[in-house]
Every structure is written in C-alpha cells, then in structure tokens.
Amino acid sequence: MGFVEVTQALLLGLWNTFLIFALTLVLALPLGLVISFGSMSKIKPISYLVKLIVWIVRGVPLMLQVIIIYYVPGMLFGVPMLSRFNAVIVSFVINYACYFSEIYRGGIEGIPAGQYEAGKVLGLSKSEIFFKIVLMQVVKRILAPMGNEVITLVKDTALARVIMVVEIIQAAQNFAAYGLMWPLFYTAVFYLVIVGVLTLLLGFFEKKLSYYKA
C-alpha cells in the first residue's frame, strides 16, 4: 500500500468523521439549550428529573453509551432499532447536548439580574429580553468553554469504531492487517488540521463578539 492509496482510504474515513462531528454539533447545540431550560425550570420535578438525566449522561463514558444505544435495543427486541451510524449519532447528540446544557446554564445564570430588569423597564416580554438582550451576552460568555467541547468532539468521533463505524481511525487501523502501522500516526495530521481550523474560527468569533459584554 502506497502513500496515495492510504491517503484516499483515510479521506473516505474522514468523511464519516466529518458527518459525525457536523450532525452532532447541529443537533446537540439546540437540544442542549432546551435541556438547560429544563434544568433551570421553576417546576421542581422537571428540574430534578432533567438534572438527574444530565448527571447520568455526563457520568457514563461516551463509549459505553454508544454500545448501550446500539446493542441493548437488539438484546431486548431481537433486532437493532438503529443502524450503527445512527446509533453513533444518537449517542453523541445526547451526550454532547447534556454537556452543552451545563455550559448554557452557567452562561445564562451568570448574566446580572439588572439586564433582565432593564428589559422589563423597556416593556419587553421575557422572550424579547432573552433574544434581544441576554442571548448574545450568553454566547460571548460560553464561546470559550463551548469551543473546548467542540474540539473534544472532533477527537471523540474516533469512538464510533467501537461498533465498527469506519471513521478515520478505523480506516487507518484496517491497514494493520497489511503490517502497516504508520497510517495510524498519519491520522494525527488530519486531526491537527481540523483542530487548527476550528481554533482559528473560534478566535475569529471571539473577536467579533467582544462588543457584547455583560
């Protein structure tokens, strides 16, 4: 196997890596916001239930969650309820939504009460206060910790191989059958490029949002 053949195989695996990353981000970001509202709910049973779920999801390793979501329904009902790829997406979305929810909650609760009071004085509704006054300040506050989670997500996509979803690490690992180990180290180049691009983007957004300060 030459360099070109290995690169082509890794690029195919990289496509799955990108899909897992992108779908998780697109679905987990809004779901995390919904979960954060649940954990901050003034209705105590809802708040306690959501916090319990978040605690469980954050406390159980993501790899185990992937295994549970793919294999357990098959053990209970005799057939898998989800394809391998979809099981990975569901696992990642639930896991990261719970992490994101805690970041959202910290950002929202960190906004001074005076901001809400000012909105009320202006005659704004609760939703208008949130979207017109609070939201961008929250985004500014949470961008750094959210960025750390996003970068972690890039590397966590490698866990998909635990149920034989071929992402870039699994694609490289397949070459071990031919006695080639260097493709595994070669994958580091792809990860470094992705993380480098994300770091630049996050830095750009931080500068753009520097106007919004609580």
Protein backbone atom coordinates (compact mmCIF):
# COMPACT_ATOMS: atom_id res chain seq x y z
CA MET A 1 0.00 0.00 0.00
CA GLY A 2 1.44 3.35 -1.04
CA PHE A 3 1.00 6.83 0.36
CA VAL A 4 -1.67 7.78 -2.20
CA GLU A 5 -3.79 4.68 -1.53
CA VAL A 6 -3.58 5.20 2.23
CA THR A 7 -4.50 8.88 1.90
CA GLN A 8 -7.53 8.03 -0.25
CA ALA A 9 -8.73 5.47 2.32
CA LEU A 10 -8.24 7.93 5.18
CA LEU A 11 -10.14 10.62 3.31
CA LEU A 12 -13.09 8.24 2.98
CA GLY A 13 -12.93 7.62 6.72
CA LEU A 14 -12.58 11.36 7.27
CA TRP A 15 -15.95 11.87 5.57
CA ASN A 16 -17.68 9.79 8.26
CA THR A 17 -15.68 11.64 10.91
CA PHE A 18 -16.92 14.93 9.49
CA LEU A 19 -20.54 13.71 9.31
CA ILE A 20 -20.48 12.56 12.94
CA PHE A 21 -18.95 15.88 14.00
CA ALA A 22 -21.29 18.08 11.96
CA LEU A 23 -24.53 16.24 12.76
CA THR A 24 -23.70 16.10 16.46
CA LEU A 25 -22.98 19.82 16.55
CA VAL A 26 -26.08 20.83 14.56
CA LEU A 27 -28.41 18.70 16.70
CA ALA A 28 -26.76 18.93 20.13
CA LEU A 29 -26.43 22.73 20.27
CA PRO A 30 -30.19 23.49 20.18
CA LEU A 31 -31.05 20.39 22.23
CA GLY A 32 -28.56 21.48 24.87
CA LEU A 33 -30.32 24.85 25.14
CA VAL A 34 -33.67 23.10 25.64
CA ILE A 35 -32.16 20.84 28.31
CA SER A 36 -30.66 23.87 30.09
CA PHE A 37 -34.12 25.46 30.27
CA GLY A 38 -35.40 22.21 31.78
CA SER A 39 -32.68 22.17 34.44
CA MET A 40 -33.45 25.80 35.31
CA SER A 41 -37.21 25.24 35.36
CA LYS A 42 -39.08 26.57 38.38
CA ILE A 43 -41.18 23.39 38.30
CA LYS A 44 -39.09 21.31 40.69
CA PRO A 45 -39.99 17.78 39.41
CA ILE A 46 -38.95 18.79 35.89
CA SER A 47 -35.77 20.45 37.13
CA TYR A 48 -34.78 17.45 39.29
CA LEU A 49 -35.54 14.94 36.51
CA VAL A 50 -33.51 16.86 33.91
CA LYS A 51 -30.60 17.31 36.31
CA LEU A 52 -30.67 13.58 37.08
CA ILE A 53 -30.55 12.70 33.37
CA VAL A 54 -27.69 15.15 32.78
CA TRP A 55 -25.80 13.70 35.76
CA ILE A 56 -26.18 10.14 34.44
CA VAL A 57 -25.20 11.01 30.86
CA ARG A 58 -22.17 13.03 31.96
CA GLY A 59 -21.15 10.32 34.41
CA VAL A 60 -21.19 7.39 31.99
CA PRO A 61 -18.36 7.15 29.40
CA LEU A 62 -19.43 8.06 25.86
CA MET A 63 -18.02 4.77 24.55
CA LEU A 64 -20.35 2.84 26.86
CA GLN A 65 -23.30 4.98 25.78
CA VAL A 66 -22.61 4.13 22.13
CA ILE A 67 -22.53 0.42 22.99
CA ILE A 68 -25.73 0.63 25.04
CA ILE A 69 -27.73 2.54 22.43
CA TYR A 70 -26.71 0.18 19.62
CA TYR A 71 -26.76 -3.22 21.35
CA VAL A 72 -29.34 -3.01 24.17
CA PRO A 73 -32.45 -2.49 21.96
CA GLY A 74 -31.34 -5.51 19.89
CA MET A 75 -30.97 -7.60 23.05
CA LEU A 76 -34.43 -6.56 24.27
CA PHE A 77 -36.37 -6.76 20.99
CA GLY A 78 -34.29 -9.20 18.94
CA VAL A 79 -33.37 -6.71 16.21
CA PRO A 80 -31.29 -3.49 16.29
CA MET A 81 -33.51 -0.41 16.44
CA LEU A 82 -30.89 1.80 14.83
CA SER A 83 -28.18 1.36 12.22
CA ARG A 84 -24.61 1.55 13.50
CA PHE A 85 -24.13 5.06 12.16
CA ASN A 86 -27.45 6.32 13.54
CA ALA A 87 -26.68 4.78 16.94
CA VAL A 88 -23.44 6.76 16.99
CA ILE A 89 -25.26 9.98 16.11
CA VAL A 90 -27.96 9.47 18.77
CA SER A 91 -25.32 8.67 21.41
CA PHE A 92 -23.17 11.66 20.55
CA VAL A 93 -26.08 14.09 20.34
CA ILE A 94 -27.48 13.09 23.74
CA ASN A 95 -24.05 13.13 25.38
CA TYR A 96 -22.93 16.47 24.00
CA ALA A 97 -26.34 18.10 24.47
CA CYS A 98 -26.03 17.36 28.19
CA TYR A 99 -22.55 18.87 28.34
CA PHE A 100 -23.65 21.88 26.31
CA SER A 101 -26.68 22.34 28.59
CA GLU A 102 -24.44 22.90 31.60
CA ILE A 103 -22.40 25.46 29.67
CA TYR A 104 -25.58 27.24 28.59
CA ARG A 105 -26.92 27.17 32.15
CA GLY A 106 -23.73 28.69 33.53
CA GLY A 107 -23.79 31.41 30.87
CA ILE A 108 -27.46 32.29 31.39
CA GLU A 109 -27.28 32.30 35.19
CA GLY A 110 -24.14 34.44 35.00
CA ILE A 111 -25.98 37.35 33.40
CA PRO A 112 -26.61 40.09 36.02
CA ALA A 113 -30.23 40.45 37.15
CA GLY A 114 -30.06 44.12 36.15
CA GLN A 115 -30.08 43.10 32.50
CA TYR A 116 -33.48 41.44 32.90
CA GLU A 117 -34.81 44.33 34.97
CA ALA A 118 -33.73 46.81 32.31
CA GLY A 119 -35.64 44.81 29.71
CA LYS A 120 -38.77 44.84 31.85
CA VAL A 121 -38.48 48.62 32.27
CA LEU A 122 -38.38 48.91 28.49
CA GLY A 123 -41.60 46.91 28.30
CA LEU A 124 -40.08 43.83 26.66
CA SER A 125 -41.53 40.36 27.08
CA LYS A 126 -39.47 37.54 28.59
CA SER A 127 -38.69 36.10 25.16
CA GLU A 128 -37.71 39.53 23.80
CA ILE A 129 -35.44 40.14 26.79
CA PHE A 130 -33.75 36.79 26.21
CA PHE A 131 -33.24 37.11 22.46
CA LYS A 132 -32.58 40.87 22.24
CA ILE A 133 -30.57 41.49 25.40
CA VAL A 134 -29.35 38.29 27.00
CA LEU A 135 -28.58 35.84 24.18
CA MET A 136 -25.53 37.50 22.61
CA GLN A 137 -24.04 38.16 26.04
CA VAL A 138 -24.52 34.46 26.86
CA VAL A 139 -22.87 33.45 23.56
CA LYS A 140 -19.90 35.67 24.40
CA ARG A 141 -19.56 34.09 27.86
CA ILE A 142 -19.86 30.49 26.70
CA LEU A 143 -17.81 30.62 23.50
CA ALA A 144 -14.52 29.57 25.12
CA PRO A 145 -15.86 26.56 27.09
CA MET A 146 -18.09 25.61 24.16
CA GLY A 147 -15.05 25.78 21.89
CA ASN A 148 -13.22 23.32 24.14
CA GLU A 149 -16.12 20.88 23.88
CA VAL A 150 -16.25 21.27 20.10
CA ILE A 151 -12.55 20.43 19.80
CA THR A 152 -13.05 17.45 22.12
CA LEU A 153 -15.89 16.31 19.86
CA VAL A 154 -13.50 16.16 16.89
CA LYS A 155 -11.37 13.62 18.74
CA ASP A 156 -14.31 11.76 20.29
CA THR A 157 -15.56 10.82 16.82
CA ALA A 158 -12.92 8.07 16.96
CA LEU A 159 -15.15 6.26 19.48
CA ALA A 160 -17.52 5.38 16.63
CA ARG A 161 -15.23 2.49 15.74
CA VAL A 162 -16.33 0.67 18.92
CA ILE A 163 -19.40 -0.51 16.95
CA MET A 164 -17.45 -0.79 13.68
CA VAL A 165 -18.40 2.53 12.10
CA VAL A 166 -15.49 3.31 9.81
CA GLU A 167 -14.21 6.75 10.69
CA ILE A 168 -10.64 7.89 10.05
CA ILE A 169 -9.00 5.94 12.91
CA GLN A 170 -10.77 2.72 11.92
CA ALA A 171 -9.77 3.33 8.29
CA ALA A 172 -6.15 3.62 9.40
CA GLN A 173 -6.43 0.61 11.70
CA ASN A 174 -7.57 -1.55 8.78
CA PHE A 175 -4.07 -1.24 7.31
CA ALA A 176 -2.64 -3.09 10.32
CA ALA A 177 -3.77 -6.30 8.59
CA TYR A 178 -1.14 -5.50 5.93
CA GLY A 179 1.53 -4.86 8.55
CA LEU A 180 1.29 -1.07 8.17
CA MET A 181 1.20 0.98 11.36
CA TRP A 182 2.24 4.37 10.03
CA PRO A 183 -1.29 5.24 8.75
CA LEU A 184 -2.42 5.44 12.39
CA PHE A 185 0.17 8.13 13.07
CA TYR A 186 -0.70 9.79 9.76
CA THR A 187 -4.25 10.42 11.05
CA ALA A 188 -2.76 12.89 13.54
CA VAL A 189 -2.09 15.25 10.62
CA PHE A 190 -5.80 15.29 9.72
CA TYR A 191 -6.85 15.91 13.32
CA LEU A 192 -4.32 18.71 13.74
CA VAL A 193 -5.54 20.44 10.58
CA ILE A 194 -9.20 20.22 11.68
CA VAL A 195 -8.44 21.44 15.21
CA GLY A 196 -6.25 24.22 13.79
CA VAL A 197 -9.06 25.47 11.54
CA LEU A 198 -11.58 25.31 14.39
CA THR A 199 -9.21 27.20 16.70
CA LEU A 200 -8.87 29.99 14.13
CA LEU A 201 -12.65 30.16 13.62
CA LEU A 202 -13.31 30.29 17.36
CA GLY A 203 -10.72 33.02 17.77
CA PHE A 204 -12.39 34.99 14.96
CA PHE A 205 -15.82 34.71 16.57
CA GLU A 206 -14.44 35.72 19.97
CA LYS A 207 -13.10 38.94 18.46
CA LYS A 208 -16.39 39.58 16.66
CA LEU A 209 -18.34 39.10 19.89
CA SER A 210 -16.02 41.24 22.01
CA TYR A 211 -18.61 44.04 21.70
CA TYR A 212 -21.09 42.04 23.74
CA LYS A 213 -20.02 42.22 27.35
CA ALA A 214 -22.21 41.65 30.33
